[in-house]
Amino acid sequence: MKYILTSCLVLLLNCANKTNSKENLKTKDKQESLVKILENIWTTEQTPIRLRDSLMSIYGVDSELVKEQQAIVEKNHAINEKKIRKILDKNGWPTKEMSGNRGNWTICNVIQHSDNEVRIQYLPMMRQAVMDKKLEPRFLVRAEDRIATERGDLQIYGGQMKYYPETKSFNVWPVFDPKNIDKRRTKIGLDSIAIFLKNRFDFEWNLEEQIKRTEEFKLKKKENNKKLTN
């Protein structure tokens, strides 16, 4: 009887080990597959954008070459957005282990390049991912600012730039309370606005100029609201 019980126990342990091994292999295969998918999305999303920006710096925003490249950017993005939405809708926000070193950056970039409705849809998921330590706050900040600018509101952290045709130059989208922007940025672990803009866009932050632009923005919005209510 003891021999039979021992044999059954060994058999059960072997089955359990085999099951665990299979599950581990499935998890590993799933992880490797997701990393590969996200790496492909990163390449097809970012490479055309970099080329477009290079052409823009050489030939200007309104050149035909830039417009042609922009069409490629939009075509690739439409494909990538579908893939990202499928990943998030099916599995939720992946862990860093599942998505790889650049996974979060890839997902957030695609969401960032999407319409505002898409950003708003996945904003709660992004907030939860930050709370669960799956996502760095800086990615959430980009989405928050982009949503604000698309709505026509003042941005909070200063990450969004806009091309102004009247001056044929880029400038920061007006910021809420520019005097205290660095306090807000430091609180969530970001560089100062001056360092960020210089490193990211080679743009010089001028506090007095931005205070003036914010006040002009608020005044213009107030006037527009009055027109709508009259």
Protein backbone atom coordinates (compact mmCIF):
# COMPACT_ATOMS: atom_id res chain seq x y z
CA MET A 1 0.00 0.00 0.00
CA LYS A 2 2.84 2.37 0.92
CA TYR A 3 4.49 1.60 -2.43
CA ILE A 4 1.28 2.40 -4.29
CA LEU A 5 0.79 5.70 -2.39
CA THR A 6 4.40 6.69 -3.00
CA SER A 7 4.10 5.93 -6.72
CA CYS A 8 0.89 7.98 -6.97
CA LEU A 9 2.53 10.88 -5.17
CA VAL A 10 5.54 10.79 -7.50
CA LEU A 11 3.23 10.62 -10.50
CA LEU A 12 1.21 13.62 -9.27
CA LEU A 13 4.38 15.64 -8.66
CA ASN A 14 5.69 14.82 -12.13
CA CYS A 15 2.39 15.89 -13.70
CA ALA A 16 2.40 19.11 -11.70
CA ASN A 17 5.98 19.86 -12.72
CA LYS A 18 5.16 19.22 -16.38
CA THR A 19 2.11 21.46 -16.15
CA ASN A 20 4.13 24.24 -14.52
CA SER A 21 6.85 23.87 -17.15
CA LYS A 22 4.30 24.15 -19.94
CA GLU A 23 2.73 27.22 -18.30
CA ASN A 24 6.16 28.82 -17.89
CA LEU A 25 6.95 28.15 -21.55
CA LYS A 26 3.62 29.65 -22.61
CA THR A 27 4.27 32.75 -20.51
CA LYS A 28 7.78 33.08 -21.92
CA ASP A 29 6.54 32.63 -25.50
CA LYS A 30 3.78 35.18 -24.89
CA GLN A 31 6.30 37.65 -23.46
CA GLU A 32 8.72 37.22 -26.38
CA SER A 33 5.85 37.56 -28.87
CA LEU A 34 4.61 40.81 -27.27
CA VAL A 35 8.11 42.28 -27.18
CA LYS A 36 8.59 41.51 -30.88
CA ILE A 37 5.20 43.01 -31.78
CA LEU A 38 5.98 46.20 -29.84
CA GLU A 39 9.47 46.48 -31.35
CA ASN A 40 7.95 46.28 -34.82
CA ILE A 41 5.37 48.92 -33.91
CA TRP A 42 8.12 51.18 -32.56
CA THR A 43 10.11 50.95 -35.79
CA THR A 44 7.17 51.51 -38.13
CA GLU A 45 5.82 54.36 -35.98
CA GLN A 46 9.02 56.26 -35.23
CA THR A 47 11.19 55.86 -38.33
CA PRO A 48 8.80 57.71 -40.70
CA ILE A 49 8.34 60.47 -38.10
CA ARG A 50 12.08 61.00 -37.78
CA LEU A 51 12.43 61.16 -41.55
CA ARG A 52 9.54 63.65 -41.79
CA ASP A 53 11.12 65.86 -39.12
CA SER A 54 14.47 65.75 -40.91
CA LEU A 55 12.84 66.77 -44.18
CA MET A 56 10.95 69.50 -42.34
CA SER A 57 14.17 70.98 -40.96
CA ILE A 58 15.71 71.04 -44.46
CA TYR A 59 12.80 71.98 -46.73
CA GLY A 60 10.27 73.56 -44.37
CA VAL A 61 6.88 72.48 -43.03
CA ASP A 62 4.95 73.20 -46.24
CA SER A 63 7.19 71.33 -48.69
CA GLU A 64 5.75 68.54 -50.85
CA LEU A 65 8.34 66.06 -49.55
CA VAL A 66 7.17 66.65 -46.02
CA LYS A 67 3.53 66.21 -47.05
CA GLU A 68 4.33 62.92 -48.79
CA GLN A 69 6.19 61.66 -45.75
CA GLN A 70 3.33 62.75 -43.48
CA ALA A 71 1.00 60.50 -45.51
CA ILE A 72 3.28 57.54 -44.74
CA VAL A 73 3.32 58.50 -41.07
CA GLU A 74 -0.48 58.51 -40.94
CA LYS A 75 -0.82 55.22 -42.82
CA ASN A 76 1.59 53.41 -40.49
CA HIS A 77 0.00 54.92 -37.43
CA ALA A 78 -3.48 53.70 -38.39
CA ILE A 79 -2.15 50.13 -38.50
CA ASN A 80 -0.20 50.50 -35.25
CA GLU A 81 -3.13 52.02 -33.39
CA LYS A 82 -5.29 48.99 -34.17
CA LYS A 83 -2.56 46.68 -32.83
CA ILE A 84 -2.09 48.65 -29.62
CA ARG A 85 -5.81 48.88 -28.95
CA LYS A 86 -6.14 45.14 -29.42
CA ILE A 87 -3.34 44.49 -26.91
CA LEU A 88 -4.82 46.83 -24.29
CA ASP A 89 -8.44 45.80 -24.78
CA LYS A 90 -7.60 42.10 -24.52
CA ASN A 91 -5.01 42.03 -21.75
CA GLY A 92 -5.01 45.42 -20.03
CA TRP A 93 -1.78 47.35 -19.47
CA PRO A 94 1.17 44.92 -19.65
CA THR A 95 3.86 44.72 -16.99
CA LYS A 96 7.36 45.96 -17.83
CA GLU A 97 8.50 42.33 -17.84
CA MET A 98 5.92 41.46 -20.49
CA SER A 99 6.38 44.50 -22.73
CA GLY A 100 10.19 44.81 -22.62
CA ASN A 101 12.43 47.82 -22.04
CA ARG A 102 10.74 50.03 -24.65
CA GLY A 103 7.25 48.61 -24.48
CA ASN A 104 5.61 51.35 -22.42
CA TRP A 105 7.23 54.03 -24.55
CA THR A 106 5.90 52.36 -27.69
CA ILE A 107 2.34 52.01 -26.38
CA CYS A 108 2.23 55.59 -25.11
CA ASN A 109 3.69 57.01 -28.32
CA VAL A 110 0.99 55.39 -30.41
CA ILE A 111 -1.72 56.62 -28.03
CA GLN A 112 -0.12 60.06 -28.10
CA HIS A 113 -0.27 60.15 -31.91
CA SER A 114 -3.95 59.10 -31.94
CA ASP A 115 -7.10 61.24 -31.86
CA ASN A 116 -8.12 62.80 -28.56
CA GLU A 117 -11.02 60.36 -28.17
CA VAL A 118 -8.51 57.49 -28.08
CA ARG A 119 -6.31 59.25 -25.51
CA ILE A 120 -9.33 59.96 -23.32
CA GLN A 121 -10.51 56.35 -23.64
CA TYR A 122 -7.23 54.92 -22.34
CA LEU A 123 -6.46 57.66 -19.80
CA PRO A 124 -8.06 55.77 -16.87
CA MET A 125 -6.03 52.68 -17.80
CA MET A 126 -2.85 54.78 -17.91
CA ARG A 127 -3.60 56.29 -14.50
CA GLN A 128 -4.14 52.83 -13.04
CA ALA A 129 -0.92 51.59 -14.65
CA VAL A 130 0.98 54.42 -12.93
CA MET A 131 -0.60 53.47 -9.59
CA ASP A 132 0.35 49.83 -10.20
CA LYS A 133 3.96 50.84 -11.00
CA LYS A 134 3.60 49.52 -14.55
CA LEU A 135 4.01 52.95 -16.16
CA GLU A 136 6.28 55.91 -15.48
CA PRO A 137 4.42 59.17 -14.62
CA ARG A 138 6.13 61.07 -17.46
CA PHE A 139 4.12 59.11 -20.02
CA LEU A 140 0.85 59.94 -18.27
CA VAL A 141 1.88 63.62 -18.17
CA ARG A 142 2.33 63.68 -21.95
CA ALA A 143 -1.16 62.29 -22.45
CA GLU A 144 -2.71 64.72 -19.94
CA ASP A 145 -1.11 67.72 -21.69
CA ARG A 146 -2.03 66.49 -25.15
CA ILE A 147 -5.66 66.01 -24.14
CA ALA A 148 -5.74 69.54 -22.68
CA THR A 149 -4.28 71.15 -25.81
CA GLU A 150 -6.66 69.26 -28.10
CA ARG A 151 -9.54 70.52 -25.99
CA GLY A 152 -8.25 74.05 -26.30
CA ASP A 153 -7.28 74.31 -22.63
CA LEU A 154 -4.04 75.41 -20.98
CA GLN A 155 -1.59 72.55 -20.56
CA ILE A 156 -0.26 71.67 -17.11
CA TYR A 157 3.31 70.42 -17.57
CA GLY A 158 4.45 72.15 -20.78
CA GLY A 159 5.27 69.13 -22.92
CA GLN A 160 3.30 70.17 -26.00
CA MET A 161 4.63 72.40 -28.78
CA LYS A 162 2.62 73.88 -31.65
CA TYR A 163 3.54 75.27 -35.07
CA TYR A 164 2.20 78.82 -35.50
CA PRO A 165 1.76 79.70 -39.20
CA GLU A 166 1.63 83.44 -38.51
CA THR A 167 5.21 83.40 -37.19
CA LYS A 168 6.29 80.26 -39.10
CA SER A 169 7.81 78.91 -35.92
CA PHE A 170 7.15 76.48 -33.09
CA ASN A 171 6.30 77.59 -29.56
CA VAL A 172 5.02 76.04 -26.34
CA TRP A 173 1.27 75.68 -26.15
CA PRO A 174 0.26 78.17 -23.40
CA VAL A 175 0.74 76.81 -19.90
CA PHE A 176 -1.40 77.07 -16.78
CA ASP A 177 0.34 79.17 -14.10
CA PRO A 178 3.79 79.32 -15.78
CA LYS A 179 5.46 80.65 -12.62
CA ASN A 180 4.87 77.37 -10.80
CA ILE A 181 5.32 74.91 -13.65
CA ASP A 182 8.63 73.61 -12.28
CA LYS A 183 7.03 72.86 -8.92
CA ARG A 184 4.46 70.68 -10.67
CA ARG A 185 7.10 68.99 -12.80
CA THR A 186 9.49 68.35 -9.90
CA LYS A 187 6.68 66.87 -7.81
CA ILE A 188 6.33 63.96 -10.26
CA GLY A 189 10.04 63.57 -10.98
CA LEU A 190 10.42 65.56 -14.19
CA ASP A 191 13.24 67.92 -15.23
CA SER A 192 12.62 71.66 -15.18
CA ILE A 193 10.69 72.98 -18.17
CA ALA A 194 13.77 74.84 -19.44
CA ILE A 195 15.93 71.69 -19.45
CA PHE A 196 13.16 69.59 -21.01
CA LEU A 197 12.44 72.02 -23.84
CA LYS A 198 16.12 72.56 -24.59
CA ASN A 199 16.89 68.84 -24.73
CA ARG A 200 13.71 67.79 -26.53
CA PHE A 201 13.10 70.66 -28.96
CA ASP A 202 16.18 72.91 -28.70
CA PHE A 203 13.77 75.59 -27.55
CA GLU A 204 14.58 78.35 -25.06
CA TRP A 205 12.06 78.79 -22.23
CA ASN A 206 11.37 82.44 -21.45
CA LEU A 207 9.19 82.79 -18.36
CA GLU A 208 8.10 86.38 -18.97
CA GLU A 209 7.16 85.60 -22.57
CA GLN A 210 5.16 82.53 -21.52
CA ILE A 211 3.34 84.44 -18.77
CA LYS A 212 2.28 86.98 -21.39
CA ARG A 213 1.19 84.27 -23.84
CA THR A 214 -0.85 82.55 -21.13
CA GLU A 215 -2.68 85.75 -20.26
CA GLU A 216 -3.38 86.44 -23.94
CA PHE A 217 -4.68 82.87 -24.32
CA LYS A 218 -7.01 83.23 -21.33
CA LEU A 219 -8.32 86.59 -22.57
CA LYS A 220 -8.98 85.26 -26.06
CA LYS A 221 -10.76 82.19 -24.70
CA LYS A 222 -12.91 84.38 -22.47
CA GLU A 223 -13.88 86.54 -25.45
CA ASN A 224 -14.74 83.47 -27.52
CA ASN A 225 -16.91 82.08 -24.73
CA LYS A 226 -18.80 85.37 -24.57
CA LYS A 227 -19.47 85.23 -28.30
CA LEU A 228 -20.84 81.70 -27.94
CA THR A 229 -23.22 82.68 -25.15
CA ASN A 230 -24.50 85.81 -26.91
